[in-house]
Amino acid sequence: MFTLSEQLASVIARLKRPARQGRIGRLNRGVEKEGLRVERNGDIAQTPHPEALGSKLSHPHITTDYSEALLEFVTPVYSRPRDAMAFLEDVHRFSYRHLGGELIWPASMPCRLEGNDSVPIADYGSSNSGLMKHVYRKGLDVRYGRIMQAIAGIHYNVSVPDKLWALLEQLDREDGKTLPKDYRSARYFGLIRQFRRNSWLLLYLFGASPAIDKSFLEDRKVPEKLKPHGRETLLSRYATSLRMSDMGYQNKVQAQIKICFNSLSNYVNTLRNAIATPWPDYQALGVKEGQGNAREDWQQLNANILQIENEYYSDIRPKRVARHNETPSQALEARGVEYIEVRCLDLNPFLPVGIDDTQMRFLDTFMLWCLLSESPWISDEECDHLDDNRRRVVERGRDPGLELVIDGERRSMHERARIIFAELAQVAALLDEVEGEPLHARALESLAPRLEDPSLTPAGALMKRMESQEEEFVDAILALAREHRDRLGEAITDPAREALFDQLVETSLQEQRDIEEADVQGFAEFIEQYFAKAKR
C-alpha cells in the first residue's frame, strides 16, 4: 500500500487551505519550441530565414537556434498553460503564411540531410553581437559537427509565484529550519536535485525519438542498438529518446566538467572554470583560420572547454534574465535564480506544436513535486547512478523489465514510476484547489496508462505507426507535418496578435539595423572585452 512521505504530506496539508483561498498563486511558464524548416520532399531547407518573419537577432518571439533552418518560437510568460498553447499555435500560423511551400518538421531528430554542410549555420547580420552568435555556432561545428545541431526540442521554463515563496519560507521558519541567505535559489537547487533524480520519468513519458534517418549518421558506423527499418531508417527497439542519447546532445569533453547542482556558488564556479580552461583538441583547431584577423577568419570564440555558458548541455538549468553586458552566471550570482529551464523534452510529432495542455499540466505538477519534496545534496556516487538511470531509460525505457538504481538498490522502473504518480496525485490535488477544477488530476489520469503500456508513449506510437504502415521515418514525419500545417490553417489567429506579429517584424528589422549602425568596435576588441567582463 502506498504511503505519502511524512515530510511531503505535511507540506501539502499545510498549503491546501491557502490554495483554496487563492494565496499560493499560479506557476508561471514560458515555452521555447524549435522546428526545422524543410522542403516539400523532406530535405532540410537551404533558404535564408524569411525576412517576412523579422530579424532573428532581435525578434522576441521568432528566431533561430543553431541553423538558419532551425526555427525557434519563444512564448511570453503565462500563468495558464492554455494561453501559452494559444500563442504557440498563433505564431506557427503566422510563420506558415510566410514559408511558401516549406514545412515545419515536427520531430526532434532531423529530416533527410546531405552531409554536414547541408545544415546551414545561422547568420545574424554584421553587428558584433550578431557575429558573436554566428562564430559561436561555427565553433560548435568544428567541435561537434553541424548534424548534431540540427536536432530540435522543447525548453519548458517554470517559475514559482511570489505568494508561494512567502508561504514556503513561513513554513520552514515554523519548522525551526535555518533559512539560507538566498532562500529562493537554495530551494530552486533543491528542485533541480529532485528533478535530476527523477527526470528519467519525463524521458519515458514524453520521449518521442526512437528512430532516425540514415543520413543523420553520415559516414559514421551504425551503433549496435540501431536496426534497419526499410531502406533509409534506423530504429532502436526499446528507445525513448535518441535525442538525449550519446547520439544527440552529449559530449565527452563536457562530461569531465562535473557541473555541481548542490548550490548556486558551486554551480557557477564549476561552469565558469570550464569557460576559462583551455582544451588541447580545441587549441589544435585554432581560434582563427590562418593568421588573418578578418571577421570571416574566426572559427570559434576561444579554445576552452566551453566557448560560452550556453554550450553546456544539460537536462535542466537554473536561469535568470541577464541584463545588458551581463553573462548568465553573473546574473545568477548578482540576483539569484529566477526560473528553471527544463531541456530534456522531445517534440511530440503527433501534436501540431509539439506539446499540449496535458503535458504542460503534468510538467507543472512534476516541478512542484520536485520543489516540495525533500532533496538532499547529490554525492558523486549518486550522480553516477543518476546518469546511468537516464541512459538506461533513453536506450531501453520501453523494455517492460527495465530496472533502475534507486537509493542504491535495483528496482523496477515501472514500479518506481507508479509510486511517483501516487505522490504526484497529491500535488495535482493541491494545484487543482487553485483552479477550482481537476485539470492537473485529469492530466495525470490521461498519462497514467503509459506506465502500463509503452506503446502509448510518443516513442511507442511512432514505432507502431512506422511498423504497421511500413513507413520510413522521413515519410511518417513528413505526412504528420502536412497534417499539422493543414490543421493549424483551419483556425483563425487572434486579430490583435496578428497585428502584434506584423508590427514586430518591422520593429525587429529596424532594431537590427540600429545595432549594426551603432557598432564602432572591431570584432576582436569586442570579444576581448566580453570575456574580460565575464571573468569579473
Protein backbone atom coordinates (compact mmCIF):
# COMPACT_ATOMS: atom_id res chain seq x y z
CA MET A 1 0.00 0.00 0.00
CA PHE A 2 1.31 3.46 -0.95
CA THR A 3 2.08 5.90 1.87
CA LEU A 4 2.99 9.51 1.15
CA SER A 5 6.22 10.58 2.83
CA GLU A 6 5.63 12.34 6.15
CA GLN A 7 7.51 15.44 5.01
CA LEU A 8 5.62 15.82 1.72
CA ALA A 9 2.25 15.04 3.31
CA SER A 10 2.82 17.72 5.94
CA VAL A 11 3.73 20.41 3.41
CA ILE A 12 0.77 19.63 1.15
CA ALA A 13 -1.67 19.57 4.08
CA ARG A 14 -0.48 22.97 5.30
CA LEU A 15 -0.74 24.52 1.82
CA LYS A 16 -4.24 23.30 0.98
CA ARG A 17 -6.15 25.98 2.84
CA PRO A 18 -4.07 28.86 1.41
CA ALA A 19 -4.53 27.26 -2.03
CA ARG A 20 -8.31 27.23 -1.57
CA GLN A 21 -8.13 30.89 -0.59
CA GLY A 22 -6.10 31.78 -3.66
CA ARG A 23 -2.99 32.58 -1.60
CA ILE A 24 -0.37 30.41 -3.33
CA GLY A 25 -0.65 31.88 -6.83
CA ARG A 26 -0.10 30.02 -10.08
CA LEU A 27 3.13 28.67 -11.54
CA ASN A 28 4.39 30.73 -14.48
CA ARG A 29 5.72 29.14 -17.63
CA GLY A 30 7.19 30.05 -20.99
CA VAL A 31 7.95 27.71 -23.87
CA GLU A 32 10.79 27.70 -26.40
CA LYS A 33 9.91 25.41 -29.29
CA GLU A 34 12.30 24.52 -32.12
CA GLY A 35 11.50 23.08 -35.54
CA LEU A 36 13.44 22.67 -38.77
CA ARG A 37 12.20 24.27 -41.96
CA VAL A 38 12.07 21.55 -44.62
CA GLU A 39 11.30 21.30 -48.31
CA ARG A 40 8.18 19.54 -49.61
CA ASN A 41 10.17 16.31 -50.09
CA GLY A 42 11.60 16.26 -46.55
CA ASP A 43 15.06 17.74 -47.24
CA ILE A 44 16.38 20.44 -44.92
CA ALA A 45 15.66 23.92 -46.30
CA GLN A 46 18.61 25.86 -47.74
CA THR A 47 16.74 29.15 -47.96
CA PRO A 48 17.53 32.09 -45.65
CA HIS A 49 15.30 32.79 -42.67
CA PRO A 50 12.34 34.62 -44.24
CA GLU A 51 12.66 38.39 -43.85
CA ALA A 52 8.87 38.47 -43.55
CA LEU A 53 9.30 36.85 -40.11
CA GLY A 54 11.50 39.70 -38.90
CA SER A 55 15.06 39.80 -37.57
CA LYS A 56 16.22 36.60 -35.89
CA LEU A 57 18.73 38.71 -33.98
CA SER A 58 16.19 40.97 -32.27
CA HIS A 59 12.69 39.50 -32.66
CA PRO A 60 11.46 38.47 -29.18
CA HIS A 61 9.34 35.52 -30.35
CA ILE A 62 10.60 34.25 -33.73
CA THR A 63 14.29 33.45 -34.07
CA THR A 64 16.59 30.54 -34.95
CA ASP A 65 18.70 28.22 -32.87
CA TYR A 66 21.87 26.72 -34.38
CA SER A 67 20.91 26.55 -38.02
CA GLU A 68 19.46 29.10 -40.42
CA ALA A 69 16.78 26.44 -40.99
CA LEU A 70 16.07 25.75 -37.30
CA LEU A 71 13.17 27.99 -36.29
CA GLU A 72 12.72 28.78 -32.61
CA PHE A 73 9.45 30.16 -31.25
CA VAL A 74 9.53 31.81 -27.83
CA THR A 75 6.33 32.49 -25.91
CA PRO A 76 5.83 35.22 -23.32
CA VAL A 77 5.44 34.11 -19.69
CA TYR A 78 1.93 32.89 -18.89
CA SER A 79 0.20 31.72 -15.71
CA ARG A 80 -2.17 29.40 -17.60
CA PRO A 81 -1.00 26.65 -19.98
CA ARG A 82 -3.85 27.26 -22.43
CA ASP A 83 -2.56 30.81 -23.00
CA ALA A 84 0.93 29.53 -23.84
CA MET A 85 -0.65 26.97 -26.20
CA ALA A 86 -2.72 29.65 -27.94
CA PHE A 87 0.39 31.78 -28.51
CA LEU A 88 2.35 28.82 -29.91
CA GLU A 89 -0.45 27.97 -32.30
CA ASP A 90 -0.75 31.59 -33.47
CA VAL A 91 2.98 32.00 -34.06
CA HIS A 92 3.01 28.77 -36.09
CA ARG A 93 0.08 30.03 -38.19
CA PHE A 94 1.75 33.39 -38.75
CA SER A 95 5.03 31.73 -39.77
CA TYR A 96 3.33 29.34 -42.18
CA ARG A 97 1.91 32.29 -44.08
CA HIS A 98 5.48 33.31 -44.94
CA LEU A 99 7.15 29.92 -45.54
CA GLY A 100 5.97 29.39 -49.10
CA GLY A 101 5.80 25.64 -49.63
CA GLU A 102 8.15 24.81 -46.77
CA LEU A 103 7.02 22.80 -43.75
CA ILE A 104 7.97 22.85 -40.08
CA TRP A 105 9.46 19.44 -39.17
CA PRO A 106 7.53 18.16 -36.12
CA ALA A 107 10.11 15.64 -34.85
CA SER A 108 13.22 16.12 -32.72
CA MET A 109 15.55 14.02 -34.88
CA PRO A 110 16.21 15.79 -38.16
CA CYS A 111 14.86 15.28 -41.64
CA ARG A 112 16.86 14.00 -44.59
CA LEU A 113 20.34 15.57 -44.68
CA GLU A 114 23.05 15.64 -47.35
CA GLY A 115 26.11 15.67 -45.12
CA ASN A 116 27.48 18.15 -42.60
CA ASP A 117 27.46 21.16 -44.94
CA SER A 118 23.77 20.72 -45.74
CA VAL A 119 22.97 22.19 -42.30
CA PRO A 120 23.38 25.97 -42.84
CA ILE A 121 24.76 27.95 -39.89
CA ALA A 122 22.53 30.81 -38.78
CA ASP A 123 23.61 34.29 -39.90
CA TYR A 124 22.67 37.16 -37.56
CA GLY A 125 23.97 40.09 -39.57
CA SER A 126 27.05 42.31 -39.41
CA SER A 127 26.89 43.64 -35.83
CA ASN A 128 29.41 42.44 -33.26
CA SER A 129 26.67 40.76 -31.22
CA GLY A 130 25.28 39.08 -34.34
CA LEU A 131 28.72 37.95 -35.46
CA MET A 132 29.44 36.56 -31.99
CA LYS A 133 26.34 34.36 -32.27
CA HIS A 134 27.49 33.20 -35.71
CA VAL A 135 31.09 32.47 -34.66
CA TYR A 136 29.85 30.58 -31.60
CA ARG A 137 27.89 28.35 -33.97
CA LYS A 138 30.95 27.94 -36.20
CA GLY A 139 32.73 26.76 -33.05
CA LEU A 140 30.04 24.16 -32.44
CA ASP A 141 30.60 22.95 -35.99
CA VAL A 142 34.37 22.47 -35.66
CA ARG A 143 33.93 20.83 -32.24
CA TYR A 144 30.93 18.57 -32.77
CA GLY A 145 29.77 18.92 -36.37
CA ARG A 146 26.63 20.58 -37.66
CA ILE A 147 24.42 17.50 -37.86
CA MET A 148 24.07 17.22 -34.10
CA GLN A 149 22.96 20.87 -34.08
CA ALA A 150 20.02 20.05 -36.37
CA ILE A 151 18.27 18.24 -33.51
CA ALA A 152 15.22 20.08 -32.15
CA GLY A 153 13.41 20.07 -28.82
CA ILE A 154 11.25 22.00 -26.40
CA HIS A 155 12.53 24.01 -23.45
CA TYR A 156 9.95 24.48 -20.70
CA ASN A 157 10.65 27.41 -18.38
CA VAL A 158 8.95 27.43 -14.97
CA SER A 159 8.97 29.93 -12.12
CA VAL A 160 7.35 29.75 -8.68
CA PRO A 161 4.99 32.63 -7.76
CA ASP A 162 5.94 35.12 -5.03
CA LYS A 163 2.92 34.14 -2.94
CA LEU A 164 4.06 30.53 -2.72
CA TRP A 165 7.63 31.53 -1.88
CA ALA A 166 6.36 33.57 1.05
CA LEU A 167 4.32 30.63 2.36
CA LEU A 168 7.16 28.13 2.00
CA GLU A 169 9.53 30.44 3.84
CA GLN A 170 6.97 30.81 6.62
CA LEU A 171 6.51 27.01 6.90
CA ASP A 172 10.27 26.45 7.11
CA ARG A 173 10.52 29.05 9.86
CA GLU A 174 7.69 27.36 11.78
CA ASP A 175 9.59 24.07 11.50
CA GLY A 176 12.66 25.70 13.04
CA LYS A 177 14.81 25.40 9.93
CA THR A 178 17.78 27.68 9.41
CA LEU A 179 17.00 29.64 6.26
CA PRO A 180 19.84 30.16 3.80
CA LYS A 181 20.84 33.66 2.77
CA ASP A 182 19.32 33.31 -0.70
CA TYR A 183 16.28 31.23 0.17
CA ARG A 184 14.78 31.02 -3.29
CA SER A 185 17.98 29.98 -5.00
CA ALA A 186 18.62 27.29 -2.38
CA ARG A 187 15.10 25.91 -2.81
CA TYR A 188 15.37 26.07 -6.60
CA PHE A 189 18.55 23.99 -6.41
CA GLY A 190 16.68 21.51 -4.23
CA LEU A 191 14.10 21.32 -7.03
CA ILE A 192 16.90 20.73 -9.55
CA ARG A 193 18.38 17.88 -7.50
CA GLN A 194 14.99 16.16 -7.18
CA PHE A 195 14.46 16.69 -10.90
CA ARG A 196 17.81 15.09 -11.74
CA ARG A 197 16.92 12.09 -9.60
CA ASN A 198 13.67 11.58 -11.47
CA SER A 199 13.96 13.15 -14.94
CA TRP A 200 14.05 9.62 -16.37
CA LEU A 201 10.26 9.62 -15.88
CA LEU A 202 9.88 12.52 -18.31
CA LEU A 203 12.11 10.72 -20.81
CA TYR A 204 9.84 7.68 -20.59
CA LEU A 205 6.51 9.53 -20.76
CA PHE A 206 7.43 12.10 -23.41
CA GLY A 207 10.41 10.67 -25.29
CA ALA A 208 9.49 10.67 -28.97
CA SER A 209 12.65 9.84 -30.91
CA PRO A 210 13.17 6.06 -31.27
CA ALA A 211 14.22 6.30 -34.95
CA ILE A 212 16.43 8.30 -37.30
CA ASP A 213 17.02 8.72 -41.00
CA LYS A 214 20.28 7.07 -42.06
CA SER A 215 21.61 10.41 -43.28
CA PHE A 216 21.92 11.54 -39.65
CA LEU A 217 24.92 9.24 -39.18
CA GLU A 218 26.61 10.50 -42.36
CA ASP A 219 29.63 8.17 -42.72
CA ARG A 220 29.75 7.02 -39.09
CA LYS A 221 29.42 3.37 -38.11
CA VAL A 222 25.87 2.31 -37.25
CA PRO A 223 25.63 1.69 -33.46
CA GLU A 224 24.60 -1.82 -32.45
CA LYS A 225 21.43 -0.54 -30.77
CA LEU A 226 20.08 0.65 -34.14
CA LYS A 227 18.46 -1.80 -36.56
CA PRO A 228 17.38 -1.22 -40.17
CA HIS A 229 13.73 -0.46 -40.93
CA GLY A 230 13.11 -0.15 -44.64
CA ARG A 231 15.83 1.30 -46.83
CA GLU A 232 16.55 4.63 -45.12
CA THR A 233 15.50 4.27 -41.47
CA LEU A 234 17.29 3.04 -38.36
CA LEU A 235 15.37 2.40 -35.16
CA SER A 236 16.05 1.27 -31.62
CA ARG A 237 13.57 -1.33 -30.35
CA TYR A 238 13.10 -0.02 -26.78
CA ALA A 239 14.48 3.54 -27.04
CA THR A 240 12.51 6.53 -25.81
CA SER A 241 14.71 9.49 -26.83
CA LEU A 242 17.69 9.06 -29.14
CA ARG A 243 17.91 12.84 -28.97
CA MET A 244 19.03 12.52 -25.34
CA SER A 245 21.32 9.54 -26.01
CA ASP A 246 25.02 9.59 -26.86
CA MET A 247 23.90 10.17 -30.47
CA GLY A 248 22.34 13.52 -29.53
CA TYR A 249 23.34 16.37 -27.26
CA GLN A 250 26.13 14.60 -25.43
CA ASN A 251 29.81 15.45 -25.31
CA LYS A 252 32.70 13.50 -23.76
CA VAL A 253 34.73 16.64 -23.05
CA GLN A 254 31.83 18.24 -21.18
CA ALA A 255 31.31 15.02 -19.21
CA GLN A 256 34.59 15.79 -17.45
CA ILE A 257 33.32 19.13 -16.13
CA LYS A 258 31.18 17.53 -13.39
CA ILE A 259 28.92 20.56 -13.01
CA CYS A 260 27.65 20.58 -9.44
CA PHE A 261 23.96 21.31 -8.79
CA ASN A 262 24.20 21.29 -4.99
CA SER A 263 24.41 25.05 -4.60
CA LEU A 264 24.43 28.21 -6.66
CA SER A 265 28.05 29.03 -5.86
CA ASN A 266 29.27 25.54 -6.76
CA TYR A 267 27.29 25.60 -9.99
CA VAL A 268 28.58 29.00 -11.09
CA ASN A 269 32.19 28.26 -10.13
CA THR A 270 32.41 24.92 -11.95
CA LEU A 271 30.74 26.39 -15.05
CA ARG A 272 32.98 29.46 -15.03
CA ASN A 273 36.06 27.25 -14.66
CA ALA A 274 35.06 25.33 -17.78
CA ILE A 275 34.77 28.57 -19.75
CA ALA A 276 38.29 29.61 -18.63
CA THR A 277 40.07 26.24 -19.07
CA PRO A 278 41.80 25.58 -22.43
CA TRP A 279 41.28 22.18 -24.06
CA PRO A 280 44.15 20.75 -26.16
CA ASP A 281 41.98 19.45 -29.01
CA TYR A 282 40.24 22.80 -29.37
CA GLN A 283 43.57 24.61 -29.17
CA ALA A 284 44.80 22.44 -32.04
CA LEU A 285 41.82 23.56 -34.13
CA GLY A 286 42.77 27.20 -33.65
CA VAL A 287 40.51 30.12 -32.85
CA LYS A 288 41.07 31.62 -36.30
CA GLU A 289 41.88 30.13 -39.67
CA GLY A 290 45.44 31.09 -40.55
CA GLN A 291 46.91 34.36 -39.32
CA GLY A 292 44.19 36.65 -40.62
CA ASN A 293 42.16 38.97 -38.44
CA ALA A 294 39.14 39.43 -40.69
CA ARG A 295 35.73 38.64 -39.29
CA GLU A 296 35.33 35.61 -41.54
CA ASP A 297 38.63 34.13 -40.24
CA TRP A 298 37.13 33.33 -36.83
CA GLN A 299 36.10 29.71 -36.43
CA GLN A 300 35.43 29.60 -32.66
CA LEU A 301 35.21 32.17 -29.88
CA ASN A 302 38.03 30.58 -27.87
CA ALA A 303 39.75 27.22 -27.38
CA ASN A 304 38.38 26.47 -23.91
CA ILE A 305 36.20 23.56 -22.74
CA LEU A 306 33.18 25.80 -23.25
CA GLN A 307 33.16 28.84 -25.52
CA ILE A 308 30.31 30.37 -23.54
CA GLU A 309 27.88 29.05 -20.94
CA ASN A 310 25.20 28.14 -23.50
CA GLU A 311 27.47 25.40 -24.81
CA TYR A 312 26.96 23.34 -21.66
CA TYR A 313 24.40 20.63 -22.39
CA SER A 314 22.18 19.53 -19.51
CA ASP A 315 18.62 18.36 -18.96
CA ILE A 316 17.87 21.28 -16.62
CA ARG A 317 19.35 24.71 -15.85
CA PRO A 318 18.86 27.45 -13.25
CA LYS A 319 18.21 30.72 -15.06
CA ARG A 320 17.99 34.48 -14.53
CA VAL A 321 17.29 37.03 -17.25
CA ALA A 322 20.62 38.75 -17.87
CA ARG A 323 20.98 42.49 -18.23
CA HIS A 324 22.98 44.27 -20.91
CA ASN A 325 26.66 43.20 -20.91
CA GLU A 326 25.99 40.56 -18.25
CA THR A 327 26.67 36.82 -18.61
CA PRO A 328 24.14 34.24 -17.37
CA SER A 329 26.39 33.31 -14.43
CA GLN A 330 26.86 36.94 -13.43
CA ALA A 331 23.09 37.41 -13.46
CA LEU A 332 22.65 34.34 -11.22
CA GLU A 333 25.36 35.49 -8.80
CA ALA A 334 24.00 39.03 -8.60
CA ARG A 335 20.27 38.34 -8.19
CA GLY A 336 19.79 34.58 -7.69
CA VAL A 337 17.75 32.00 -9.58
CA GLU A 338 14.64 33.41 -11.26
CA TYR A 339 13.29 30.37 -13.06
CA ILE A 340 14.11 26.81 -14.12
CA GLU A 341 14.64 25.66 -17.71
CA VAL A 342 13.70 22.03 -18.48
CA ARG A 343 15.65 20.89 -21.55
CA CYS A 344 15.04 17.14 -21.90
CA LEU A 345 11.73 17.27 -23.80
CA ASP A 346 11.39 15.88 -27.30
CA LEU A 347 8.94 17.34 -29.77
CA ASN A 348 5.85 15.14 -29.89
CA PRO A 349 5.47 14.64 -33.67
CA PHE A 350 1.78 13.81 -33.27
CA LEU A 351 0.98 17.28 -31.88
CA PRO A 352 0.78 20.38 -34.14
CA VAL A 353 3.10 22.46 -31.93
CA GLY A 354 5.00 19.59 -30.28
CA ILE A 355 3.39 19.90 -26.85
CA ASP A 356 -0.13 20.20 -25.44
CA ASP A 357 -2.01 21.42 -22.40
CA THR A 358 -2.00 17.95 -20.79
CA GLN A 359 1.80 17.73 -20.92
CA MET A 360 2.14 21.25 -19.50
CA ARG A 361 -0.18 20.41 -16.60
CA PHE A 362 1.86 17.28 -15.90
CA LEU A 363 5.15 19.21 -16.05
CA ASP A 364 3.81 21.81 -13.63
CA THR A 365 2.75 19.05 -11.23
CA PHE A 366 6.12 17.33 -11.57
CA MET A 367 8.08 20.54 -10.99
CA LEU A 368 6.07 21.48 -7.89
CA TRP A 369 6.55 17.93 -6.57
CA CYS A 370 10.30 18.39 -7.05
CA LEU A 371 10.15 21.69 -5.14
CA LEU A 372 8.10 20.40 -2.20
CA SER A 373 9.93 17.07 -1.74
CA GLU A 374 12.98 16.56 0.43
CA SER A 375 16.08 16.80 -1.74
CA PRO A 376 19.44 16.18 -0.07
CA TRP A 377 22.70 17.01 -1.80
CA ILE A 378 23.84 14.61 -4.51
CA SER A 379 27.09 12.74 -3.89
CA ASP A 380 29.49 11.84 -6.69
CA GLU A 381 28.42 8.19 -6.39
CA GLU A 382 24.73 9.05 -6.65
CA CYS A 383 25.45 11.35 -9.58
CA ASP A 384 26.92 8.40 -11.49
CA HIS A 385 23.80 6.32 -10.72
CA LEU A 386 21.54 9.12 -11.93
CA ASP A 387 23.45 9.43 -15.20
CA ASP A 388 23.18 5.67 -15.66
CA ASN A 389 19.44 5.71 -14.94
CA ARG A 390 18.86 8.34 -17.60
CA ARG A 391 20.98 6.42 -20.10
CA ARG A 392 19.02 3.23 -19.41
CA VAL A 393 15.65 4.90 -19.94
CA VAL A 394 16.83 6.72 -23.06
CA GLU A 395 18.07 3.48 -24.62
CA ARG A 396 15.68 0.90 -23.13
CA GLY A 397 12.84 2.77 -21.44
CA ARG A 398 10.11 0.79 -23.19
CA ASP A 399 11.57 -2.54 -22.04
CA PRO A 400 8.98 -3.87 -19.52
CA GLY A 401 11.70 -5.47 -17.42
CA LEU A 402 13.93 -2.40 -17.11
CA GLU A 403 15.44 -1.76 -13.67
CA LEU A 404 16.98 1.42 -12.27
CA VAL A 405 19.18 2.14 -9.27
CA ILE A 406 17.01 3.96 -6.72
CA ASP A 407 18.50 4.81 -3.31
CA GLY A 408 21.34 2.41 -4.01
CA GLU A 409 19.08 -0.54 -4.87
CA ARG A 410 17.89 -2.01 -8.17
CA ARG A 411 14.16 -1.51 -8.65
CA SER A 412 11.65 -1.91 -11.43
CA MET A 413 11.33 1.33 -13.40
CA HIS A 414 7.57 0.85 -13.77
CA GLU A 415 7.10 0.15 -10.07
CA ARG A 416 9.02 3.30 -9.17
CA ALA A 417 7.03 5.32 -11.72
CA ARG A 418 3.75 4.19 -10.13
CA ILE A 419 4.97 5.36 -6.72
CA ILE A 420 5.91 8.76 -8.15
CA PHE A 421 2.50 9.04 -9.82
CA ALA A 422 0.81 8.41 -6.48
CA GLU A 423 2.76 11.28 -4.93
CA LEU A 424 2.10 13.48 -7.96
CA ALA A 425 -1.63 12.91 -7.48
CA GLN A 426 -1.44 14.66 -4.12
CA VAL A 427 0.43 17.61 -5.64
CA ALA A 428 -2.07 17.75 -8.51
CA ALA A 429 -4.90 17.98 -5.97
CA LEU A 430 -3.13 20.95 -4.38
CA LEU A 431 -2.79 22.73 -7.74
CA ASP A 432 -6.42 21.99 -8.54
CA GLU A 433 -7.50 23.75 -5.34
CA VAL A 434 -6.29 26.91 -7.08
CA GLU A 435 -8.01 26.06 -10.37
CA GLY A 436 -11.33 25.07 -8.87
CA GLU A 437 -11.49 22.09 -11.23
CA PRO A 438 -9.37 18.90 -11.55
CA LEU A 439 -7.22 19.98 -14.51
CA HIS A 440 -3.96 18.57 -13.15
CA ALA A 441 -5.61 15.39 -11.88
CA ARG A 442 -7.04 14.79 -15.36
CA ALA A 443 -3.61 15.27 -16.89
CA LEU A 444 -2.19 12.58 -14.60
CA GLU A 445 -5.09 10.25 -15.34
CA SER A 446 -4.68 10.63 -19.08
CA LEU A 447 -0.95 9.86 -18.91
CA ALA A 448 -1.10 7.03 -16.34
CA PRO A 449 -1.92 4.30 -18.94
CA ARG A 450 1.52 4.90 -20.46
CA LEU A 451 3.05 3.35 -17.34
CA GLU A 452 1.43 0.02 -18.14
CA ASP A 453 1.61 0.16 -21.95
CA PRO A 454 4.80 1.58 -23.53
CA SER A 455 3.14 1.60 -26.95
CA LEU A 456 1.05 4.57 -25.73
CA THR A 457 4.14 6.76 -25.27
CA PRO A 458 5.03 9.03 -28.22
CA ALA A 459 8.08 6.87 -28.97
CA GLY A 460 5.95 3.73 -28.86
CA ALA A 461 3.22 5.28 -31.01
CA LEU A 462 5.75 6.40 -33.64
CA MET A 463 7.36 2.96 -33.69
CA LYS A 464 3.93 1.32 -34.02
CA ARG A 465 2.96 3.60 -36.90
CA MET A 466 6.15 3.02 -38.86
CA GLU A 467 5.97 -0.74 -38.40
CA SER A 468 2.24 -1.19 -39.06
CA GLN A 469 2.27 1.03 -42.15
CA GLU A 470 5.78 0.00 -43.24
CA GLU A 471 6.74 3.69 -43.35
CA GLU A 472 10.19 5.19 -43.43
CA PHE A 473 10.95 7.71 -40.67
CA VAL A 474 11.08 10.67 -43.07
CA ASP A 475 7.83 9.65 -44.80
CA ALA A 476 5.96 9.28 -41.49
CA ILE A 477 7.11 12.65 -40.12
CA LEU A 478 6.57 14.40 -43.44
CA ALA A 479 2.96 13.17 -43.50
CA LEU A 480 2.45 14.46 -39.95
CA ALA A 481 4.00 17.82 -40.88
CA ARG A 482 1.46 18.25 -43.68
CA GLU A 483 -1.40 17.30 -41.35
CA HIS A 484 -0.27 19.84 -38.75
CA ARG A 485 0.08 22.64 -41.32
CA ASP A 486 -3.43 21.96 -42.62
CA ARG A 487 -4.93 21.71 -39.12
CA LEU A 488 -3.27 24.94 -37.97
CA GLY A 489 -4.51 26.68 -41.09
CA GLU A 490 -8.11 25.84 -40.28
CA ALA A 491 -8.17 28.13 -37.23
CA ILE A 492 -8.09 31.94 -37.23
CA THR A 493 -5.30 33.83 -35.50
CA ASP A 494 -6.29 36.29 -32.80
CA PRO A 495 -6.51 39.61 -34.76
CA ALA A 496 -4.71 41.55 -32.03
CA ARG A 497 -1.88 39.02 -32.04
CA GLU A 498 -1.73 39.09 -35.83
CA ALA A 499 -1.26 42.86 -35.67
CA LEU A 500 1.42 42.40 -32.99
CA PHE A 501 3.36 39.94 -35.14
CA ASP A 502 3.16 42.28 -38.14
CA GLN A 503 4.49 45.15 -36.02
CA LEU A 504 7.30 43.05 -34.53
CA VAL A 505 8.57 42.20 -38.00
CA GLU A 506 9.17 45.89 -38.74
CA THR A 507 10.48 46.86 -35.30
CA SER A 508 12.88 43.90 -35.10
CA LEU A 509 14.34 44.62 -38.53
CA GLN A 510 14.82 48.28 -37.59
CA GLU A 511 16.37 47.29 -34.27
CA GLN A 512 18.93 45.12 -36.06
CA ARG A 513 19.80 47.99 -38.37
CA ASP A 514 20.21 50.30 -35.37
CA ILE A 515 22.51 47.81 -33.62
CA GLU A 516 24.66 47.44 -36.72
CA GLU A 517 24.95 51.19 -37.26
CA ALA A 518 25.89 51.80 -33.62
CA ASP A 519 28.87 49.39 -33.69
CA VAL A 520 32.22 51.19 -33.60
CA GLN A 521 34.50 48.49 -32.19
CA GLY A 522 36.39 45.86 -34.11
CA PHE A 523 35.19 42.30 -33.52
CA ALA A 524 38.43 41.16 -31.84
CA GLU A 525 38.21 44.03 -29.35
CA PHE A 526 34.53 43.28 -28.75
CA ILE A 527 35.27 39.63 -27.92
CA GLU A 528 38.23 40.54 -25.71
CA GLN A 529 36.07 42.92 -23.69
CA TYR A 530 33.24 40.38 -23.42
CA PHE A 531 35.44 37.71 -21.86
CA ALA A 532 37.23 40.25 -19.65
CA LYS A 533 33.83 41.21 -18.19
CA ALA A 534 32.88 37.54 -17.86
CA LYS A 535 35.83 36.94 -15.51
CA ARG A 536 34.72 39.62 -13.02
